[in-house]
Amino acid sequence: MLNRPTQFDPATLVQHLWPLIVYGFAVLALIALMLGLSYFLGQRRRDAATDEPFESGIVSQGSAHVRLSINYYLVAILFIVFDLEAIYLFSWAIAFRQTGLLGFIEAAIFIVILLAGLIYLWRLGALDWGGKQQRNL
C-alpha cells in the first residue's frame, strides 16, 4: 500500500510544481517583453504604401485570391498523414532493441497497412495531378 497523506498539503504541492510556475511566469514575461518592444520600437506613421501587398521586393500584380485545384490540398494532406506515420516508425527504430521481435512484427504490420492505404489511394486516383486526358495515356 502506498503511503499517501490524508490531508491536502499546499506546501508540498508548491514544492512539486514550482518549476512549472517559474516556467509559466517566464513565458508570460517573454510575451510581455516582445509585445512591449514591438509597441515602442514599431512604426508609428502610416503611408499609402503601408497597406500595399509586398512580397520579396516585388509589388504584387492582380488578386491574391488564386483558386487552386482540390488535388493540391488533397496531396498536401496525404503528405502530412504519411509523414506523421514516419515519426512512429522512427520511434520504433530507436527502441528496436527494447521492443524485440514483437515490436518488429508490429512495425511490419503497420507498414503493410500504410502500403495498402497508399495503393488504395493510388488506384483511386487521389495522387494524379493530370486531367482525365492524361490519365488515359
Protein backbone atom coordinates (compact mmCIF):
# COMPACT_ATOMS: atom_id res chain seq x y z
CA MET A 1 0.00 0.00 0.00
CA LEU A 2 1.25 3.47 -0.83
CA ASN A 3 1.89 5.99 1.90
CA ARG A 4 -0.28 8.87 0.85
CA PRO A 5 -1.01 11.86 3.05
CA THR A 6 -4.61 12.05 4.06
CA GLN A 7 -4.70 15.85 4.09
CA PHE A 8 -4.06 18.30 1.29
CA ASP A 9 -0.69 19.97 1.88
CA PRO A 10 -0.24 23.20 -0.14
CA ALA A 11 3.48 23.41 0.70
CA THR A 12 4.13 20.00 -0.85
CA LEU A 13 2.09 20.92 -3.92
CA VAL A 14 4.04 24.16 -4.44
CA GLN A 15 7.30 22.30 -3.87
CA HIS A 16 6.47 19.87 -6.68
CA LEU A 17 5.03 22.47 -9.05
CA TRP A 18 7.49 25.34 -8.64
CA PRO A 19 9.37 24.58 -11.94
CA LEU A 20 6.06 24.74 -13.82
CA ILE A 21 5.13 28.00 -12.08
CA VAL A 22 8.52 29.56 -12.87
CA TYR A 23 8.24 28.41 -16.49
CA GLY A 24 4.76 29.94 -16.78
CA PHE A 25 5.95 33.28 -15.43
CA ALA A 26 8.97 33.20 -17.77
CA VAL A 27 6.70 32.62 -20.77
CA LEU A 28 4.37 35.45 -19.75
CA ALA A 29 7.35 37.77 -19.17
CA LEU A 30 8.79 36.92 -22.60
CA ILE A 31 5.44 37.57 -24.28
CA ALA A 32 5.09 40.90 -22.47
CA LEU A 33 8.65 41.85 -23.43
CA MET A 34 8.11 41.06 -27.12
CA LEU A 35 4.80 42.93 -27.25
CA GLY A 36 6.25 45.90 -25.40
CA LEU A 37 9.32 46.10 -27.65
CA SER A 38 7.23 45.88 -30.79
CA TYR A 39 4.97 48.65 -29.49
CA PHE A 40 7.82 51.01 -28.57
CA LEU A 41 10.13 50.22 -31.49
CA GLY A 42 7.43 49.79 -34.12
CA GLN A 43 6.40 52.14 -36.88
CA ARG A 44 4.11 55.00 -35.81
CA ARG A 45 3.17 56.54 -39.15
CA ARG A 46 1.03 55.15 -41.93
CA ASP A 47 1.84 55.86 -45.55
CA ALA A 48 -0.07 54.98 -48.66
CA ALA A 49 2.39 52.13 -49.25
CA THR A 50 1.83 50.67 -45.78
CA ASP A 51 -1.28 48.78 -46.83
CA GLU A 52 0.15 47.64 -50.19
CA PRO A 53 0.91 43.94 -50.55
CA PHE A 54 4.65 43.46 -50.97
CA GLU A 55 6.49 40.19 -51.45
CA SER A 56 10.23 39.66 -51.86
CA GLY A 57 10.88 43.15 -53.17
CA ILE A 58 8.24 42.91 -55.90
CA VAL A 59 4.95 44.74 -55.82
CA SER A 60 2.30 42.12 -56.47
CA GLN A 61 0.09 42.22 -59.54
CA GLY A 62 -3.50 41.09 -59.61
CA SER A 63 -5.59 39.48 -56.92
CA ALA A 64 -4.21 37.49 -54.02
CA HIS A 65 -7.18 35.13 -54.25
CA VAL A 66 -5.83 32.41 -56.50
CA ARG A 67 -8.00 29.38 -56.99
CA LEU A 68 -6.05 26.16 -56.59
CA SER A 69 -7.18 22.71 -57.54
CA ILE A 70 -8.51 20.47 -54.78
CA ASN A 71 -5.80 17.98 -55.81
CA TYR A 72 -3.19 20.32 -54.36
CA TYR A 73 -4.83 20.23 -50.93
CA LEU A 74 -5.50 16.50 -51.14
CA VAL A 75 -1.86 15.69 -51.87
CA ALA A 76 -0.75 18.09 -49.12
CA ILE A 77 -2.97 16.38 -46.53
CA LEU A 78 -1.88 12.94 -47.68
CA PHE A 79 1.74 14.04 -47.36
CA ILE A 80 1.11 15.19 -43.79
CA VAL A 81 -0.63 11.94 -42.88
CA PHE A 82 2.11 9.72 -44.30
CA ASP A 83 4.83 11.99 -42.92
CA LEU A 84 3.41 11.63 -39.41
CA GLU A 85 3.47 7.88 -39.82
CA ALA A 86 7.21 8.12 -40.45
CA ILE A 87 7.59 9.62 -36.97
CA TYR A 88 6.05 6.50 -35.46
CA LEU A 89 8.36 4.30 -37.50
CA PHE A 90 11.35 6.38 -36.38
CA SER A 91 10.41 5.89 -32.73
CA TRP A 92 10.10 2.14 -33.34
CA ALA A 93 13.56 2.16 -34.93
CA ILE A 94 15.01 3.96 -31.90
CA ALA A 95 13.51 1.40 -29.49
CA PHE A 96 14.21 -1.61 -31.71
CA ARG A 97 16.34 -3.48 -29.17
CA GLN A 98 13.83 -2.93 -26.36
CA THR A 99 10.79 -4.00 -28.37
CA GLY A 100 12.38 -7.14 -29.79
CA LEU A 101 10.66 -9.41 -32.28
CA LEU A 102 7.15 -8.38 -31.19
CA GLY A 103 7.91 -4.73 -31.89
CA PHE A 104 9.35 -5.65 -35.29
CA ILE A 105 6.21 -7.59 -36.18
CA GLU A 106 4.03 -4.66 -35.08
CA ALA A 107 6.09 -2.26 -37.21
CA ALA A 108 5.86 -4.62 -40.20
CA ILE A 109 2.06 -4.82 -39.83
CA PHE A 110 1.95 -1.02 -39.57
CA ILE A 111 3.99 -0.67 -42.78
CA VAL A 112 1.76 -3.18 -44.60
CA ILE A 113 -1.34 -1.20 -43.57
CA LEU A 114 0.30 2.03 -44.75
CA LEU A 115 1.24 0.46 -48.08
CA ALA A 116 -2.30 -0.87 -48.51
CA GLY A 117 -3.66 2.63 -47.89
CA LEU A 118 -1.17 4.16 -50.32
CA ILE A 119 -2.02 1.61 -53.02
CA TYR A 120 -5.73 2.23 -52.44
CA LEU A 121 -5.24 5.99 -52.85
CA TRP A 122 -3.09 5.45 -55.92
CA ARG A 123 -5.69 3.19 -57.56
CA LEU A 124 -8.44 5.63 -56.64
CA GLY A 125 -6.55 8.38 -58.49
CA ALA A 126 -6.03 10.61 -55.47
CA LEU A 127 -2.36 11.09 -56.38
CA ASP A 128 -2.96 12.01 -60.06
CA TRP A 129 -2.34 15.65 -60.88
CA GLY A 130 -3.26 15.47 -64.55
CA GLY A 131 -6.70 15.67 -66.03
CA LYS A 132 -8.72 12.77 -67.46
CA GLN A 133 -6.91 13.07 -70.81
CA GLN A 134 -3.53 12.46 -69.17
CA ARG A 135 -4.79 9.53 -67.08
CA ASN A 136 -5.84 7.59 -70.20
CA LEU A 137 -2.43 7.87 -71.86
